[in-house]
Amino acid sequence: MSKRRKSFLLIVILFATVLLLLSFWVIRQNSNKPSEVLMIHNVVVSTELDDKLRLTGTVSRFPHGSRQVFLRFDYSKAIDDSKVKILWFLGEKLVQADTYKLFASSGSKVYCLVRENGQPLPRGPYSLGILSNSERLFDFRFEIY
């Protein structure tokens, strides 16, 4: 084999090795980097709240006469100034929308849909959405029958 071919082959092998090591390094850096997306989990919707502010369980149908519907969820990966927007709908009509700041990187939150006059919530199909930075993180549908 000529000297030129040996030099060329050595350069190709060296380049391939450097490229392979660089690829492994990039993959490792990305896998260790925490996600910057707010995570919502353990979502519970209920009409009952116990004395320790825990909901009794997720239900998708509530009887007429319910005066409030609670939403509880855990969150993680919140960054400084993270906010969530809670949207409550009756059918297609938006009935309540509130934005809340999350003060810790992880935790739990409880919110409630209630009529100001104390009357029972109207019958019908409801839905709620949890948004962060205009991105929908969670949707839930329920009914008051």
C-alpha atoms as a PDB file:
ATOM      1  CA  MET A   1       0.000   0.000   0.000  1.00  0.00           C
ATOM      2  CA  SER A   2       1.324   3.403  -0.888  1.00  0.00           C
ATOM      3  CA  LYS A   3       2.065   6.097   1.626  1.00  0.00           C
ATOM      4  CA  ARG A   4      -0.762   8.272   0.237  1.00  0.00           C
ATOM      5  CA  ARG A   5      -3.358   5.561   0.733  1.00  0.00           C
ATOM      6  CA  LYS A   6      -2.175   4.904   4.295  1.00  0.00           C
ATOM      7  CA  SER A   7      -2.401   8.627   5.118  1.00  0.00           C
ATOM      8  CA  PHE A   8      -5.850   8.912   3.543  1.00  0.00           C
ATOM      9  CA  LEU A   9      -7.104   5.792   5.370  1.00  0.00           C
ATOM     10  CA  LEU A  10      -5.723   7.092   8.669  1.00  0.00           C
ATOM     11  CA  ILE A  11      -7.473  10.461   8.163  1.00  0.00           C
ATOM     12  CA  VAL A  12     -10.800   8.743   7.356  1.00  0.00           C
ATOM     13  CA  ILE A  13     -10.525   6.484  10.436  1.00  0.00           C
ATOM     14  CA  LEU A  14      -9.596   9.445  12.652  1.00  0.00           C
ATOM     15  CA  PHE A  15     -12.476  11.539  11.271  1.00  0.00           C
ATOM     16  CA  ALA A  16     -14.977   8.696  11.777  1.00  0.00           C
ATOM     17  CA  THR A  17     -13.779   8.159  15.349  1.00  0.00           C
ATOM     18  CA  VAL A  18     -14.057  11.852  16.209  1.00  0.00           C
ATOM     19  CA  LEU A  19     -17.513  12.002  14.628  1.00  0.00           C
ATOM     20  CA  LEU A  20     -18.660   8.931  16.567  1.00  0.00           C
ATOM     21  CA  LEU A  21     -17.377  10.328  19.886  1.00  0.00           C
ATOM     22  CA  LEU A  22     -18.985  13.686  19.192  1.00  0.00           C
ATOM     23  CA  SER A  23     -22.319  11.981  18.438  1.00  0.00           C
ATOM     24  CA  PHE A  24     -22.224  10.071  21.724  1.00  0.00           C
ATOM     25  CA  TRP A  25     -21.389  13.269  23.605  1.00  0.00           C
ATOM     26  CA  VAL A  26     -24.317  15.187  22.020  1.00  0.00           C
ATOM     27  CA  ILE A  27     -26.764  12.364  22.793  1.00  0.00           C
ATOM     28  CA  ARG A  28     -25.564  12.199  26.400  1.00  0.00           C
ATOM     29  CA  GLN A  29     -25.872  15.965  26.860  1.00  0.00           C
ATOM     30  CA  ASN A  30     -29.438  15.967  25.543  1.00  0.00           C
ATOM     31  CA  SER A  31     -30.507  12.993  27.649  1.00  0.00           C
ATOM     32  CA  ASN A  32     -29.225  14.614  30.862  1.00  0.00           C
ATOM     33  CA  LYS A  33     -30.879  17.944  30.162  1.00  0.00           C
ATOM     34  CA  PRO A  34     -34.206  18.281  32.003  1.00  0.00           C
ATOM     35  CA  SER A  35     -37.265  18.986  29.939  1.00  0.00           C
ATOM     36  CA  GLU A  36     -38.348  22.596  30.010  1.00  0.00           C
ATOM     37  CA  VAL A  37     -41.985  21.684  29.495  1.00  0.00           C
ATOM     38  CA  LEU A  38     -44.284  22.002  32.496  1.00  0.00           C
ATOM     39  CA  MET A  39     -45.715  18.588  33.368  1.00  0.00           C
ATOM     40  CA  ILE A  40     -49.261  18.080  34.705  1.00  0.00           C
ATOM     41  CA  HIS A  41     -50.139  14.732  36.288  1.00  0.00           C
ATOM     42  CA  ASN A  42     -52.412  13.037  38.852  1.00  0.00           C
ATOM     43  CA  VAL A  43     -55.398  15.108  37.747  1.00  0.00           C
ATOM     44  CA  VAL A  44     -58.550  14.593  39.821  1.00  0.00           C
ATOM     45  CA  VAL A  45     -61.965  16.194  39.266  1.00  0.00           C
ATOM     46  CA  SER A  46     -64.619  15.797  41.952  1.00  0.00           C
ATOM     47  CA  THR A  47     -67.448  17.546  43.792  1.00  0.00           C
ATOM     48  CA  GLU A  48     -66.203  16.402  47.203  1.00  0.00           C
ATOM     49  CA  LEU A  49     -63.242  17.687  49.182  1.00  0.00           C
ATOM     50  CA  ASP A  50     -62.171  16.161  52.493  1.00  0.00           C
ATOM     51  CA  ASP A  51     -60.809  18.017  55.527  1.00  0.00           C
ATOM     52  CA  LYS A  52     -57.221  17.609  54.252  1.00  0.00           C
ATOM     53  CA  LEU A  53     -58.075  19.227  50.890  1.00  0.00           C
ATOM     54  CA  ARG A  54     -58.003  15.885  49.081  1.00  0.00           C
ATOM     55  CA  LEU A  55     -60.577  15.073  46.456  1.00  0.00           C
ATOM     56  CA  THR A  56     -62.579  11.880  46.778  1.00  0.00           C
ATOM     57  CA  GLY A  57     -61.831  10.615  43.274  1.00  0.00           C
ATOM     58  CA  THR A  58     -62.206  11.325  39.609  1.00  0.00           C
ATOM     59  CA  VAL A  59     -65.712  11.123  38.253  1.00  0.00           C
ATOM     60  CA  SER A  60     -67.026  12.152  34.876  1.00  0.00           C
ATOM     61  CA  ARG A  61     -70.715  12.453  35.864  1.00  0.00           C
ATOM     62  CA  PHE A  62     -72.071  14.470  38.764  1.00  0.00           C
ATOM     63  CA  PRO A  63     -75.717  14.746  39.867  1.00  0.00           C
ATOM     64  CA  HIS A  64     -77.668  17.960  39.432  1.00  0.00           C
ATOM     65  CA  GLY A  65     -77.501  19.980  42.618  1.00  0.00           C
ATOM     66  CA  SER A  66     -73.715  20.027  42.680  1.00  0.00           C
ATOM     67  CA  ARG A  67     -72.676  23.506  43.742  1.00  0.00           C
ATOM     68  CA  GLN A  68     -68.982  23.155  42.939  1.00  0.00           C
ATOM     69  CA  VAL A  69     -66.542  21.054  40.955  1.00  0.00           C
ATOM     70  CA  PHE A  70     -62.965  20.803  42.171  1.00  0.00           C
ATOM     71  CA  LEU A  71     -59.873  20.302  40.047  1.00  0.00           C
ATOM     72  CA  ARG A  72     -56.701  19.035  41.703  1.00  0.00           C
ATOM     73  CA  PHE A  73     -53.432  18.237  39.978  1.00  0.00           C
ATOM     74  CA  ASP A  74     -49.745  17.785  40.631  1.00  0.00           C
ATOM     75  CA  TYR A  75     -47.192  19.593  38.523  1.00  0.00           C
ATOM     76  CA  SER A  76     -43.462  19.410  37.976  1.00  0.00           C
ATOM     77  CA  LYS A  77     -40.743  21.044  35.873  1.00  0.00           C
ATOM     78  CA  ALA A  78     -42.101  24.536  36.434  1.00  0.00           C
ATOM     79  CA  ILE A  79     -39.568  27.294  35.839  1.00  0.00           C
ATOM     80  CA  ASP A  80     -39.522  30.864  37.182  1.00  0.00           C
ATOM     81  CA  ASP A  81     -42.720  32.737  36.373  1.00  0.00           C
ATOM     82  CA  SER A  82     -44.514  29.595  35.149  1.00  0.00           C
ATOM     83  CA  LYS A  83     -48.233  30.128  34.872  1.00  0.00           C
ATOM     84  CA  VAL A  84     -51.177  27.886  34.158  1.00  0.00           C
ATOM     85  CA  LYS A  85     -54.479  28.957  32.715  1.00  0.00           C
ATOM     86  CA  ILE A  86     -57.558  26.997  33.775  1.00  0.00           C
ATOM     87  CA  LEU A  87     -60.481  27.137  31.334  1.00  0.00           C
ATOM     88  CA  TRP A  88     -63.937  25.853  32.298  1.00  0.00           C
ATOM     89  CA  PHE A  89     -66.578  25.358  29.582  1.00  0.00           C
ATOM     90  CA  LEU A  90     -70.284  24.534  29.670  1.00  0.00           C
ATOM     91  CA  GLY A  91     -70.872  23.088  26.235  1.00  0.00           C
ATOM     92  CA  GLU A  92     -69.000  25.426  23.895  1.00  0.00           C
ATOM     93  CA  LYS A  93     -69.380  28.469  26.166  1.00  0.00           C
ATOM     94  CA  LEU A  94     -66.431  29.586  28.290  1.00  0.00           C
ATOM     95  CA  VAL A  95     -67.796  30.083  31.812  1.00  0.00           C
ATOM     96  CA  GLN A  96     -64.579  30.744  33.746  1.00  0.00           C
ATOM     97  CA  ALA A  97     -60.935  31.405  32.873  1.00  0.00           C
ATOM     98  CA  ASP A  98     -58.228  32.172  35.384  1.00  0.00           C
ATOM     99  CA  THR A  99     -54.430  32.350  35.207  1.00  0.00           C
ATOM    100  CA  TYR A 100     -52.359  31.281  38.193  1.00  0.00           C
ATOM    101  CA  LYS A 101     -48.653  31.600  38.896  1.00  0.00           C
ATOM    102  CA  LEU A 102     -46.777  28.515  40.093  1.00  0.00           C
ATOM    103  CA  PHE A 103     -44.349  29.529  42.830  1.00  0.00           C
ATOM    104  CA  ALA A 104     -42.430  26.253  43.154  1.00  0.00           C
ATOM    105  CA  SER A 105     -40.828  23.955  40.584  1.00  0.00           C
ATOM    106  CA  SER A 106     -43.218  21.178  41.639  1.00  0.00           C
ATOM    107  CA  GLY A 107     -46.282  20.853  43.822  1.00  0.00           C
ATOM    108  CA  SER A 108     -50.053  20.444  43.882  1.00  0.00           C
ATOM    109  CA  LYS A 109     -52.866  22.850  43.128  1.00  0.00           C
ATOM    110  CA  VAL A 110     -56.620  22.840  43.776  1.00  0.00           C
ATOM    111  CA  TYR A 111     -59.082  25.043  41.888  1.00  0.00           C
ATOM    112  CA  CYS A 112     -62.852  25.181  41.910  1.00  0.00           C
ATOM    113  CA  LEU A 113     -65.718  25.993  39.570  1.00  0.00           C
ATOM    114  CA  VAL A 114     -68.538  27.530  41.606  1.00  0.00           C
ATOM    115  CA  ARG A 115     -71.344  29.978  40.896  1.00  0.00           C
ATOM    116  CA  GLU A 116     -71.050  33.267  42.741  1.00  0.00           C
ATOM    117  CA  ASN A 117     -74.741  33.255  43.711  1.00  0.00           C
ATOM    118  CA  GLY A 118     -74.429  29.856  45.422  1.00  0.00           C
ATOM    119  CA  GLN A 119     -76.896  28.170  43.066  1.00  0.00           C
ATOM    120  CA  PRO A 120     -76.216  24.643  41.769  1.00  0.00           C
ATOM    121  CA  LEU A 121     -74.211  24.384  38.577  1.00  0.00           C
ATOM    122  CA  PRO A 122     -76.411  24.036  35.488  1.00  0.00           C
ATOM    123  CA  ARG A 123     -76.963  20.649  33.882  1.00  0.00           C
ATOM    124  CA  GLY A 124     -74.978  19.889  30.772  1.00  0.00           C
ATOM    125  CA  PRO A 125     -71.667  18.785  29.299  1.00  0.00           C
ATOM    126  CA  TYR A 126     -68.628  20.509  30.788  1.00  0.00           C
ATOM    127  CA  SER A 127     -64.974  20.502  29.899  1.00  0.00           C
ATOM    128  CA  LEU A 128     -61.881  21.989  31.391  1.00  0.00           C
ATOM    129  CA  GLY A 129     -58.472  22.700  29.982  1.00  0.00           C
ATOM    130  CA  ILE A 130     -55.118  23.403  31.571  1.00  0.00           C
ATOM    131  CA  LEU A 131     -52.811  25.557  29.443  1.00  0.00           C
ATOM    132  CA  SER A 132     -49.276  26.852  29.836  1.00  0.00           C
ATOM    133  CA  ASN A 133     -47.866  29.362  27.356  1.00  0.00           C
ATOM    134  CA  SER A 134     -50.870  28.728  25.078  1.00  0.00           C
ATOM    135  CA  GLU A 135     -50.020  25.008  24.969  1.00  0.00           C
ATOM    136  CA  ARG A 136     -52.783  22.669  26.104  1.00  0.00           C
ATOM    137  CA  LEU A 137     -51.366  20.359  28.760  1.00  0.00           C
ATOM    138  CA  PHE A 138     -54.557  18.602  29.830  1.00  0.00           C
ATOM    139  CA  ASP A 139     -58.239  18.302  28.863  1.00  0.00           C
ATOM    140  CA  PHE A 140     -61.053  16.696  30.827  1.00  0.00           C
ATOM    141  CA  ARG A 141     -64.753  16.293  30.073  1.00  0.00           C
ATOM    142  CA  PHE A 142     -67.513  15.750  32.608  1.00  0.00           C
ATOM    143  CA  GLU A 143     -71.258  16.102  32.871  1.00  0.00           C
ATOM    144  CA  ILE A 144     -73.770  17.372  35.398  1.00  0.00           C
ATOM    145  CA  TYR A 145     -76.947  15.374  34.792  1.00  0.00           C
END
